[in-house]
Amino acid sequence: MGKIIISENVSLDGVIQDPTGEEGFGRGGWFLGIGDEDREAWAELLLGEALAAEALLLGRRSDEWFAARWPSRSGAWADRLNSLPKYVVSSTLRQPEWSNATVLAGEVVPEVSKLKREVGGDIVVYASAQLVHTLLEHDLVDELRLTVYPLVLGAGRRLFGETVAEKQLRLVDARTVGASLVFLVYRAVRHA
């Protein structure tokens, strides 16, 4: 059975919106403020994650964002992301733009539950805020991997929204990445 892994860049106050500054959010571009040491260590961390993944799960907008950037890139990380099977959750998309992609057009919860049964290994979710909220709300997330950036934005779309119930997580890894980033891994606590 597959595991849904949420992998996000996040500010100290939980903002995930517009890290590269390309969406027009007034406080966007915060990812670009890190130094070379941090960027290299972050890229090494994400390459390892991609090499261990069996598939990517994305929302439509995130698929479009990645599809516009990654096919033209080269190197081990780009090669891995471009070759991975991708599953795009969308009620409007018919033909995904990124290579090796399949649209999950039905209801999100049953489609992702089925995907977890069919794909063995890690199914990594990048960006995809709306999808992440849905997956968290319906207890479909097995692990959260958060790269925390040392800044408080004070506004913006946050990783965690309101939920109908408490979501218990257990910290399983915490380490420094580069000179100033922190990598946190939490696993979902399931009750019988």
N, C-alpha and C. Protein backbone atom coordinates (compact mmCIF):
# COMPACT_ATOMS: atom_id res chain seq x y z
N MET A 1 0.85 -1.19 0.00
CA MET A 1 0.00 0.00 0.00
C MET A 1 0.89 1.24 0.00
N GLY A 2 0.50 2.22 -0.77
CA GLY A 2 1.26 3.45 -0.87
C GLY A 2 1.07 4.36 0.32
N LYS A 3 2.02 5.28 0.47
CA LYS A 3 1.95 6.29 1.53
C LYS A 3 1.88 7.66 0.87
N ILE A 4 0.94 8.48 1.34
CA ILE A 4 0.86 9.87 0.87
C ILE A 4 1.80 10.71 1.71
N ILE A 5 2.77 11.33 1.04
CA ILE A 5 3.79 12.16 1.67
C ILE A 5 3.59 13.60 1.21
N ILE A 6 3.28 14.48 2.14
CA ILE A 6 3.18 15.91 1.83
C ILE A 6 4.57 16.51 2.03
N SER A 7 5.13 17.12 1.00
CA SER A 7 6.46 17.73 1.06
C SER A 7 6.31 19.21 0.71
N GLU A 8 6.52 20.06 1.71
CA GLU A 8 6.26 21.49 1.51
C GLU A 8 7.40 22.36 2.04
N ASN A 9 7.62 23.47 1.36
CA ASN A 9 8.41 24.57 1.87
C ASN A 9 7.45 25.46 2.63
N VAL A 10 7.82 25.87 3.84
CA VAL A 10 6.88 26.60 4.69
C VAL A 10 7.64 27.63 5.53
N SER A 11 7.01 28.80 5.71
CA SER A 11 7.60 29.81 6.59
C SER A 11 7.36 29.40 8.04
N LEU A 12 8.00 30.08 8.97
CA LEU A 12 7.80 29.77 10.40
C LEU A 12 6.34 29.89 10.82
N ASP A 13 5.60 30.79 10.18
CA ASP A 13 4.19 30.95 10.55
C ASP A 13 3.26 30.15 9.64
N GLY A 14 3.80 29.16 8.93
CA GLY A 14 2.98 28.20 8.20
C GLY A 14 2.57 28.58 6.81
N VAL A 15 3.10 29.67 6.26
CA VAL A 15 2.72 30.10 4.91
C VAL A 15 3.44 29.25 3.86
N ILE A 16 2.66 28.80 2.89
CA ILE A 16 3.21 28.03 1.77
C ILE A 16 3.01 28.75 0.43
N GLN A 17 2.34 29.88 0.47
CA GLN A 17 1.96 30.59 -0.75
C GLN A 17 3.14 31.25 -1.44
N ASP A 18 3.23 31.03 -2.74
CA ASP A 18 4.11 31.74 -3.65
C ASP A 18 5.57 31.83 -3.20
N PRO A 19 6.20 30.70 -2.93
CA PRO A 19 7.59 30.76 -2.49
C PRO A 19 8.55 31.36 -3.51
N THR A 20 8.26 31.20 -4.80
CA THR A 20 9.18 31.71 -5.82
C THR A 20 8.82 33.12 -6.31
N GLY A 21 7.69 33.66 -5.86
CA GLY A 21 7.31 35.02 -6.24
C GLY A 21 6.68 35.15 -7.60
N GLU A 22 6.26 34.04 -8.20
CA GLU A 22 5.70 34.08 -9.56
C GLU A 22 4.18 34.18 -9.60
N GLU A 23 3.53 34.17 -8.44
CA GLU A 23 2.07 34.19 -8.41
C GLU A 23 1.49 35.57 -8.14
N GLY A 24 2.35 36.55 -7.88
CA GLY A 24 1.87 37.90 -7.64
C GLY A 24 1.47 38.19 -6.21
N PHE A 25 1.70 37.26 -5.29
CA PHE A 25 1.44 37.48 -3.87
C PHE A 25 2.44 38.50 -3.35
N GLY A 26 1.98 39.55 -2.69
CA GLY A 26 2.84 40.64 -2.25
C GLY A 26 4.01 40.23 -1.39
N ARG A 27 3.89 39.12 -0.70
CA ARG A 27 4.98 38.65 0.16
C ARG A 27 5.64 37.39 -0.41
N GLY A 28 5.40 37.15 -1.69
CA GLY A 28 5.98 35.98 -2.36
C GLY A 28 7.46 36.16 -2.61
N GLY A 29 8.09 35.08 -3.04
CA GLY A 29 9.51 35.10 -3.34
C GLY A 29 10.40 34.78 -2.16
N TRP A 30 9.83 34.35 -1.07
CA TRP A 30 10.60 34.11 0.15
C TRP A 30 11.59 32.97 0.02
N PHE A 31 11.34 32.02 -0.85
CA PHE A 31 12.28 30.92 -1.10
C PHE A 31 13.60 31.46 -1.64
N LEU A 32 13.53 32.52 -2.42
CA LEU A 32 14.71 33.05 -3.08
C LEU A 32 15.66 33.76 -2.13
N GLY A 33 15.24 34.00 -0.89
CA GLY A 33 16.07 34.71 0.08
C GLY A 33 17.11 33.84 0.77
N ILE A 34 17.12 32.55 0.50
CA ILE A 34 18.09 31.68 1.16
C ILE A 34 19.43 31.73 0.43
N GLY A 35 20.49 31.41 1.14
CA GLY A 35 21.82 31.44 0.56
C GLY A 35 22.14 30.19 -0.23
N ASP A 36 23.28 30.20 -0.89
CA ASP A 36 23.70 29.08 -1.73
C ASP A 36 23.84 27.79 -0.94
N GLU A 37 24.41 27.86 0.27
CA GLU A 37 24.58 26.66 1.09
C GLU A 37 23.23 26.02 1.39
N ASP A 38 22.25 26.85 1.75
CA ASP A 38 20.91 26.35 2.03
C ASP A 38 20.27 25.76 0.78
N ARG A 39 20.40 26.45 -0.34
CA ARG A 39 19.78 25.99 -1.59
C ARG A 39 20.38 24.65 -2.03
N GLU A 40 21.70 24.50 -1.92
CA GLU A 40 22.34 23.25 -2.32
C GLU A 40 21.92 22.10 -1.40
N ALA A 41 21.86 22.35 -0.11
CA ALA A 41 21.46 21.30 0.84
C ALA A 41 19.99 20.93 0.63
N TRP A 42 19.16 21.94 0.37
CA TRP A 42 17.73 21.70 0.10
C TRP A 42 17.56 20.85 -1.17
N ALA A 43 18.30 21.20 -2.23
CA ALA A 43 18.20 20.45 -3.49
C ALA A 43 18.65 19.00 -3.30
N GLU A 44 19.69 18.78 -2.50
CA GLU A 44 20.15 17.41 -2.23
C GLU A 44 19.07 16.63 -1.47
N LEU A 45 18.43 17.27 -0.51
CA LEU A 45 17.35 16.64 0.26
C LEU A 45 16.19 16.25 -0.66
N LEU A 46 15.79 17.16 -1.53
CA LEU A 46 14.65 16.90 -2.42
C LEU A 46 14.99 15.88 -3.51
N LEU A 47 16.25 15.84 -3.94
CA LEU A 47 16.66 14.80 -4.88
C LEU A 47 16.50 13.43 -4.23
N GLY A 48 16.97 13.28 -3.01
CA GLY A 48 16.81 12.02 -2.29
C GLY A 48 15.36 11.61 -2.16
N GLU A 49 14.51 12.59 -1.88
CA GLU A 49 13.08 12.32 -1.77
C GLU A 49 12.51 11.85 -3.10
N ALA A 50 12.89 12.50 -4.17
CA ALA A 50 12.40 12.13 -5.51
C ALA A 50 12.89 10.74 -5.91
N LEU A 51 14.12 10.42 -5.58
CA LEU A 51 14.66 9.10 -5.93
C LEU A 51 13.93 7.98 -5.18
N ALA A 52 13.44 8.28 -3.98
CA ALA A 52 12.73 7.29 -3.18
C ALA A 52 11.24 7.20 -3.51
N ALA A 53 10.73 8.16 -4.25
CA ALA A 53 9.29 8.21 -4.56
C ALA A 53 8.92 7.22 -5.65
N GLU A 54 7.67 6.76 -5.58
CA GLU A 54 7.11 5.91 -6.63
C GLU A 54 6.23 6.71 -7.58
N ALA A 55 5.71 7.85 -7.09
CA ALA A 55 4.81 8.67 -7.92
C ALA A 55 4.67 10.04 -7.29
N LEU A 56 4.15 10.98 -8.10
CA LEU A 56 3.79 12.32 -7.62
C LEU A 56 2.27 12.45 -7.70
N LEU A 57 1.71 13.16 -6.74
CA LEU A 57 0.28 13.49 -6.73
C LEU A 57 0.19 15.00 -6.64
N LEU A 58 -0.53 15.60 -7.60
CA LEU A 58 -0.58 17.06 -7.70
C LEU A 58 -1.99 17.54 -7.98
N GLY A 59 -2.25 18.78 -7.59
CA GLY A 59 -3.44 19.46 -8.03
C GLY A 59 -3.20 20.02 -9.43
N ARG A 60 -4.25 20.45 -10.10
CA ARG A 60 -4.14 20.93 -11.47
C ARG A 60 -3.18 22.11 -11.62
N ARG A 61 -3.31 23.12 -10.77
CA ARG A 61 -2.44 24.30 -10.89
C ARG A 61 -0.98 23.96 -10.65
N SER A 62 -0.72 23.08 -9.70
CA SER A 62 0.66 22.68 -9.46
C SER A 62 1.22 21.88 -10.62
N ASP A 63 0.41 21.02 -11.21
CA ASP A 63 0.84 20.29 -12.40
C ASP A 63 1.21 21.27 -13.52
N GLU A 64 0.38 22.27 -13.74
CA GLU A 64 0.68 23.26 -14.77
C GLU A 64 1.97 24.01 -14.47
N TRP A 65 2.18 24.36 -13.20
CA TRP A 65 3.39 25.09 -12.81
C TRP A 65 4.62 24.24 -13.07
N PHE A 66 4.61 23.00 -12.61
CA PHE A 66 5.75 22.11 -12.81
C PHE A 66 5.96 21.80 -14.29
N ALA A 67 4.88 21.56 -15.02
CA ALA A 67 4.97 21.22 -16.45
C ALA A 67 5.59 22.35 -17.26
N ALA A 68 5.42 23.58 -16.82
CA ALA A 68 5.98 24.72 -17.54
C ALA A 68 7.48 24.90 -17.26
N ARG A 69 8.02 24.20 -16.26
CA ARG A 69 9.40 24.43 -15.85
C ARG A 69 10.31 23.20 -15.93
N TRP A 70 9.84 22.05 -15.51
CA TRP A 70 10.72 20.91 -15.32
C TRP A 70 11.08 20.14 -16.59
N PRO A 71 10.25 20.02 -17.61
CA PRO A 71 10.66 19.25 -18.79
C PRO A 71 11.92 19.79 -19.48
N SER A 72 12.17 21.07 -19.39
CA SER A 72 13.34 21.65 -20.05
C SER A 72 14.60 21.59 -19.19
N ARG A 73 14.49 21.15 -17.95
CA ARG A 73 15.64 21.08 -17.07
C ARG A 73 16.37 19.76 -17.25
N SER A 74 17.65 19.76 -16.85
CA SER A 74 18.44 18.54 -16.94
C SER A 74 19.07 18.24 -15.59
N GLY A 75 19.65 17.07 -15.49
CA GLY A 75 20.28 16.65 -14.25
C GLY A 75 19.47 15.55 -13.59
N ALA A 76 20.05 14.95 -12.56
CA ALA A 76 19.44 13.79 -11.90
C ALA A 76 18.07 14.11 -11.33
N TRP A 77 17.92 15.26 -10.69
CA TRP A 77 16.64 15.61 -10.07
C TRP A 77 15.57 15.80 -11.14
N ALA A 78 15.89 16.58 -12.16
CA ALA A 78 14.92 16.82 -13.24
C ALA A 78 14.57 15.51 -13.95
N ASP A 79 15.59 14.70 -14.23
CA ASP A 79 15.33 13.41 -14.89
C ASP A 79 14.37 12.56 -14.07
N ARG A 80 14.58 12.53 -12.75
CA ARG A 80 13.71 11.72 -11.89
C ARG A 80 12.29 12.27 -11.87
N LEU A 81 12.13 13.58 -11.64
CA LEU A 81 10.78 14.16 -11.59
C LEU A 81 10.05 13.99 -12.91
N ASN A 82 10.76 14.20 -14.01
CA ASN A 82 10.12 14.08 -15.32
C ASN A 82 9.70 12.64 -15.64
N SER A 83 10.44 11.66 -15.11
CA SER A 83 10.13 10.27 -15.43
C SER A 83 9.13 9.62 -14.48
N LEU A 84 8.93 10.19 -13.30
CA LEU A 84 8.01 9.59 -12.34
C LEU A 84 6.57 9.58 -12.87
N PRO A 85 5.80 8.56 -12.53
CA PRO A 85 4.35 8.61 -12.81
C PRO A 85 3.74 9.76 -11.99
N LYS A 86 2.83 10.48 -12.62
CA LYS A 86 2.18 11.62 -11.96
C LYS A 86 0.68 11.42 -12.02
N TYR A 87 0.03 11.79 -10.93
CA TYR A 87 -1.43 11.72 -10.85
C TYR A 87 -1.91 13.11 -10.51
N VAL A 88 -2.79 13.65 -11.35
CA VAL A 88 -3.25 15.03 -11.21
C VAL A 88 -4.74 15.01 -10.87
N VAL A 89 -5.07 15.57 -9.71
CA VAL A 89 -6.45 15.65 -9.26
C VAL A 89 -7.08 16.89 -9.88
N SER A 90 -8.12 16.69 -10.69
CA SER A 90 -8.79 17.83 -11.34
C SER A 90 -10.14 17.41 -11.88
N SER A 91 -11.11 18.28 -11.73
CA SER A 91 -12.42 18.03 -12.33
C SER A 91 -12.54 18.71 -13.70
N THR A 92 -11.54 19.53 -14.06
CA THR A 92 -11.62 20.26 -15.33
C THR A 92 -10.55 19.84 -16.35
N LEU A 93 -9.42 19.36 -15.88
CA LEU A 93 -8.32 19.02 -16.76
C LEU A 93 -8.60 17.70 -17.49
N ARG A 94 -8.37 17.68 -18.77
CA ARG A 94 -8.55 16.46 -19.55
C ARG A 94 -7.20 15.88 -19.96
N GLN A 95 -6.28 16.74 -20.35
CA GLN A 95 -4.96 16.30 -20.83
C GLN A 95 -3.88 17.02 -20.03
N PRO A 96 -3.23 16.34 -19.07
CA PRO A 96 -2.16 16.99 -18.31
C PRO A 96 -0.99 17.32 -19.21
N GLU A 97 -0.26 18.36 -18.85
CA GLU A 97 0.85 18.83 -19.67
C GLU A 97 2.16 18.15 -19.35
N TRP A 98 2.35 17.74 -18.13
CA TRP A 98 3.62 17.13 -17.73
C TRP A 98 3.63 15.68 -18.16
N SER A 99 4.78 15.16 -18.50
CA SER A 99 4.93 13.80 -19.02
C SER A 99 4.50 12.76 -17.99
N ASN A 100 4.05 11.62 -18.52
CA ASN A 100 3.76 10.45 -17.71
C ASN A 100 2.69 10.74 -16.64
N ALA A 101 1.68 11.53 -17.01
CA ALA A 101 0.66 11.95 -16.05
C ALA A 101 -0.71 11.38 -16.38
N THR A 102 -1.46 11.10 -15.33
CA THR A 102 -2.83 10.59 -15.42
C THR A 102 -3.73 11.51 -14.62
N VAL A 103 -4.87 11.86 -15.17
CA VAL A 103 -5.83 12.70 -14.45
C VAL A 103 -6.73 11.84 -13.58
N LEU A 104 -6.88 12.24 -12.32
CA LEU A 104 -7.86 11.63 -11.42
C LEU A 104 -9.04 12.59 -11.39
N ALA A 105 -10.07 12.30 -12.18
CA ALA A 105 -11.17 13.24 -12.39
C ALA A 105 -12.36 13.00 -11.47
N GLY A 106 -12.38 11.91 -10.74
CA GLY A 106 -13.51 11.62 -9.87
C GLY A 106 -13.40 12.36 -8.55
N GLU A 107 -14.19 11.93 -7.58
CA GLU A 107 -14.14 12.51 -6.24
C GLU A 107 -12.76 12.25 -5.64
N VAL A 108 -12.18 13.26 -5.00
CA VAL A 108 -10.80 13.20 -4.53
C VAL A 108 -10.58 12.05 -3.55
N VAL A 109 -11.41 11.93 -2.54
CA VAL A 109 -11.16 10.94 -1.48
C VAL A 109 -11.17 9.51 -2.01
N PRO A 110 -12.18 9.08 -2.76
CA PRO A 110 -12.12 7.73 -3.30
C PRO A 110 -10.99 7.51 -4.30
N GLU A 111 -10.71 8.51 -5.13
CA GLU A 111 -9.64 8.38 -6.12
C GLU A 111 -8.27 8.22 -5.46
N VAL A 112 -8.00 9.03 -4.44
CA VAL A 112 -6.71 8.96 -3.76
C VAL A 112 -6.63 7.68 -2.92
N SER A 113 -7.72 7.28 -2.31
CA SER A 113 -7.73 6.02 -1.56
C SER A 113 -7.40 4.85 -2.48
N LYS A 114 -7.97 4.86 -3.66
CA LYS A 114 -7.69 3.81 -4.65
C LYS A 114 -6.22 3.86 -5.08
N LEU A 115 -5.72 5.07 -5.30
CA LEU A 115 -4.32 5.24 -5.69
C LEU A 115 -3.39 4.67 -4.62
N LYS A 116 -3.69 4.92 -3.36
CA LYS A 116 -2.87 4.39 -2.27
C LYS A 116 -2.86 2.86 -2.29
N ARG A 117 -3.96 2.25 -2.65
CA ARG A 117 -4.02 0.79 -2.72
C ARG A 117 -3.24 0.24 -3.91
N GLU A 118 -3.18 1.01 -4.99
CA GLU A 118 -2.59 0.51 -6.24
C GLU A 118 -1.09 0.80 -6.38
N VAL A 119 -0.61 1.87 -5.77
CA VAL A 119 0.79 2.26 -5.90
C VAL A 119 1.51 1.89 -4.61
N GLY A 120 2.51 1.05 -4.73
CA GLY A 120 3.32 0.72 -3.56
C GLY A 120 4.41 1.76 -3.39
N GLY A 121 4.66 2.20 -2.17
CA GLY A 121 5.73 3.16 -1.92
C GLY A 121 5.21 4.57 -1.73
N ASP A 122 6.14 5.52 -1.75
CA ASP A 122 5.83 6.92 -1.47
C ASP A 122 5.17 7.61 -2.66
N ILE A 123 4.06 8.26 -2.38
CA ILE A 123 3.36 9.10 -3.35
C ILE A 123 3.52 10.52 -2.82
N VAL A 124 4.39 11.30 -3.44
CA VAL A 124 4.76 12.61 -2.91
C VAL A 124 3.88 13.71 -3.51
N VAL A 125 3.43 14.60 -2.62
CA VAL A 125 2.62 15.75 -3.02
C VAL A 125 3.46 17.00 -2.81
N TYR A 126 3.68 17.76 -3.89
CA TYR A 126 4.35 19.05 -3.82
C TYR A 126 3.31 20.15 -4.03
N ALA A 127 3.50 21.26 -3.32
CA ALA A 127 2.62 22.44 -3.47
C ALA A 127 1.16 22.01 -3.28
N SER A 128 0.28 22.29 -4.23
CA SER A 128 -1.09 21.74 -4.25
C SER A 128 -1.87 22.01 -2.96
N ALA A 129 -1.91 23.25 -2.51
CA ALA A 129 -2.50 23.62 -1.22
C ALA A 129 -3.93 23.12 -1.03
N GLN A 130 -4.77 23.31 -2.01
CA GLN A 130 -6.17 22.88 -1.88
C GLN A 130 -6.25 21.35 -1.73
N LEU A 131 -5.49 20.63 -2.52
CA LEU A 131 -5.45 19.18 -2.42
C LEU A 131 -4.92 18.75 -1.06
N VAL A 132 -3.86 19.40 -0.59
CA VAL A 132 -3.28 19.06 0.72
C VAL A 132 -4.33 19.22 1.82
N HIS A 133 -5.08 20.31 1.79
CA HIS A 133 -6.12 20.52 2.81
C HIS A 133 -7.15 19.39 2.77
N THR A 134 -7.55 18.98 1.59
CA THR A 134 -8.52 17.88 1.45
C THR A 134 -7.94 16.58 1.98
N LEU A 135 -6.71 16.28 1.62
CA LEU A 135 -6.07 15.04 2.07
C LEU A 135 -5.93 15.01 3.59
N LEU A 136 -5.54 16.13 4.17
CA LEU A 136 -5.41 16.22 5.63
C LEU A 136 -6.77 16.05 6.30
N GLU A 137 -7.77 16.71 5.77
CA GLU A 137 -9.11 16.66 6.37
C GLU A 137 -9.65 15.24 6.39
N HIS A 138 -9.33 14.46 5.38
CA HIS A 138 -9.89 13.11 5.26
C HIS A 138 -8.90 12.01 5.69
N ASP A 139 -7.89 12.40 6.46
CA ASP A 139 -6.93 11.46 7.04
C ASP A 139 -6.27 10.56 6.00
N LEU A 140 -5.96 11.12 4.85
CA LEU A 140 -5.27 10.37 3.80
C LEU A 140 -3.75 10.60 3.81
N VAL A 141 -3.29 11.52 4.64
CA VAL A 141 -1.87 11.84 4.70
C VAL A 141 -1.19 10.90 5.70
N ASP A 142 -0.11 10.28 5.25
CA ASP A 142 0.66 9.39 6.12
C ASP A 142 1.86 10.10 6.74
N GLU A 143 2.41 11.08 6.00
CA GLU A 143 3.61 11.75 6.49
C GLU A 143 3.67 13.17 5.96
N LEU A 144 4.15 14.09 6.80
CA LEU A 144 4.40 15.47 6.42
C LEU A 144 5.90 15.72 6.49
N ARG A 145 6.47 16.24 5.40
CA ARG A 145 7.88 16.62 5.37
C ARG A 145 7.93 18.12 5.11
N LEU A 146 8.34 18.85 6.12
CA LEU A 146 8.31 20.30 6.05
C LEU A 146 9.72 20.87 6.09
N THR A 147 10.06 21.66 5.08
CA THR A 147 11.30 22.42 5.11
C THR A 147 10.92 23.82 5.57
N VAL A 148 11.36 24.18 6.76
CA VAL A 148 10.94 25.42 7.41
C VAL A 148 11.98 26.50 7.14
N TYR A 149 11.51 27.63 6.63
CA TYR A 149 12.35 28.77 6.30
C TYR A 149 12.31 29.77 7.44
N PRO A 150 13.44 30.39 7.76
CA PRO A 150 13.54 31.24 8.95
C PRO A 150 12.97 32.64 8.75
N LEU A 151 11.67 32.71 8.50
CA LEU A 151 11.03 34.01 8.38
C LEU A 151 9.54 33.88 8.71
N VAL A 152 8.99 34.99 9.16
CA VAL A 152 7.56 35.08 9.44
C VAL A 152 6.98 36.04 8.41
N LEU A 153 6.02 35.54 7.61
CA LEU A 153 5.43 36.38 6.56
C LEU A 153 4.25 37.18 7.06
N GLY A 154 3.52 36.67 8.03
CA GLY A 154 2.41 37.41 8.62
C GLY A 154 1.12 37.37 7.82
N ALA A 155 1.15 36.86 6.61
CA ALA A 155 -0.05 36.75 5.78
C ALA A 155 0.22 35.73 4.70
N GLY A 156 -0.86 35.20 4.13
CA GLY A 156 -0.73 34.26 3.03
C GLY A 156 -1.41 32.94 3.32
N ARG A 157 -1.57 32.13 2.28
CA ARG A 157 -2.20 30.82 2.41
C ARG A 157 -1.31 29.93 3.26
N ARG A 158 -1.92 29.33 4.25
CA ARG A 158 -1.16 28.50 5.18
C ARG A 158 -1.34 27.02 4.89
N LEU A 159 -0.37 26.24 5.33
CA LEU A 159 -0.42 24.80 5.14
C LEU A 159 -1.63 24.19 5.83
N PHE A 160 -1.90 24.62 7.04
CA PHE A 160 -3.01 24.05 7.80
C PHE A 160 -4.17 25.02 7.88
N GLY A 161 -5.34 24.53 7.48
CA GLY A 161 -6.57 25.29 7.62
C GLY A 161 -7.39 24.69 8.75
N GLU A 162 -8.60 25.13 8.86
CA GLU A 162 -9.48 24.56 9.88
C GLU A 162 -9.84 23.14 9.48
N THR A 163 -9.96 22.28 10.49
CA THR A 163 -10.36 20.90 10.27
C THR A 163 -11.54 20.58 11.19
N VAL A 164 -12.30 19.55 10.83
CA VAL A 164 -13.45 19.18 11.65
C VAL A 164 -13.02 18.42 12.90
N ALA A 165 -11.80 17.91 12.91
CA ALA A 165 -11.31 17.17 14.07
C ALA A 165 -9.81 17.40 14.22
N GLU A 166 -9.33 17.13 15.40
CA GLU A 166 -7.91 17.22 15.70
C GLU A 166 -7.14 16.19 14.87
N LYS A 167 -5.98 16.56 14.42
CA LYS A 167 -5.11 15.67 13.64
C LYS A 167 -3.83 15.44 14.44
N GLN A 168 -3.62 14.24 14.91
CA GLN A 168 -2.44 13.95 15.72
C GLN A 168 -1.30 13.48 14.83
N LEU A 169 -0.12 14.03 15.11
CA LEU A 169 1.09 13.70 14.37
C LEU A 169 2.20 13.38 15.36
N ARG A 170 3.16 12.59 14.90
CA ARG A 170 4.31 12.24 15.74
C ARG A 170 5.57 12.66 15.00
N LEU A 171 6.44 13.42 15.66
CA LEU A 171 7.70 13.84 15.07
C LEU A 171 8.64 12.64 14.98
N VAL A 172 9.15 12.36 13.77
CA VAL A 172 10.05 11.24 13.57
C VAL A 172 11.43 11.66 13.08
N ASP A 173 11.59 12.93 12.69
CA ASP A 173 12.89 13.42 12.26
C ASP A 173 12.90 14.94 12.35
N ALA A 174 14.02 15.48 12.79
CA ALA A 174 14.22 16.93 12.84
C ALA A 174 15.70 17.18 12.65
N ARG A 175 16.04 17.98 11.63
CA ARG A 175 17.45 18.27 11.40
C ARG A 175 17.62 19.60 10.68
N THR A 176 18.81 20.13 10.79
CA THR A 176 19.16 21.36 10.09
C THR A 176 19.56 21.00 8.66
N VAL A 177 19.13 21.81 7.72
CA VAL A 177 19.49 21.65 6.32
C VAL A 177 20.22 22.93 5.91
N GLY A 178 21.45 22.78 5.47
CA GLY A 178 22.24 23.96 5.16
C GLY A 178 22.55 24.71 6.43
N ALA A 179 22.57 26.04 6.34
CA ALA A 179 22.91 26.86 7.50
C ALA A 179 21.69 27.33 8.28
N SER A 180 20.52 27.39 7.62
CA SER A 180 19.40 28.03 8.33
C SER A 180 18.03 27.39 8.12
N LEU A 181 17.94 26.32 7.36
CA LEU A 181 16.66 25.66 7.17
C LEU A 181 16.51 24.51 8.15
N VAL A 182 15.28 24.18 8.49
CA VAL A 182 15.00 23.05 9.37
C VAL A 182 14.08 22.10 8.62
N PHE A 183 14.42 20.81 8.65
CA PHE A 183 13.61 19.78 8.01
C PHE A 183 12.93 18.98 9.11
N LEU A 184 11.60 18.96 9.06
CA LEU A 184 10.80 18.24 10.06
C LEU A 184 9.97 17.18 9.36
N VAL A 185 9.93 15.99 9.95
CA VAL A 185 9.12 14.90 9.41
C VAL A 185 8.16 14.45 10.50
N TYR A 186 6.88 14.47 10.17
CA TYR A 186 5.83 14.02 11.08
C TYR A 186 5.06 12.88 10.43
N ARG A 187 4.71 11.89 11.22
CA ARG A 187 3.84 10.81 10.74
C ARG A 187 2.47 10.94 11.40
N ALA A 188 1.47 10.58 10.63
CA ALA A 188 0.11 10.61 11.16
C ALA A 188 -0.05 9.52 12.22
N VAL A 189 -0.75 9.86 13.29
CA VAL A 189 -1.06 8.89 14.33
C VAL A 189 -2.47 8.38 14.04
N ARG A 190 -2.57 7.10 13.81
CA ARG A 190 -3.86 6.48 13.51
C ARG A 190 -4.36 5.74 14.73
N HIS A 191 -5.61 5.94 15.06
CA HIS A 191 -6.23 5.24 16.18
C HIS A 191 -7.14 4.15 15.64
N ALA A 192 -7.08 3.00 16.29
CA ALA A 192 -7.91 1.87 15.85
C ALA A 192 -9.37 2.15 16.10
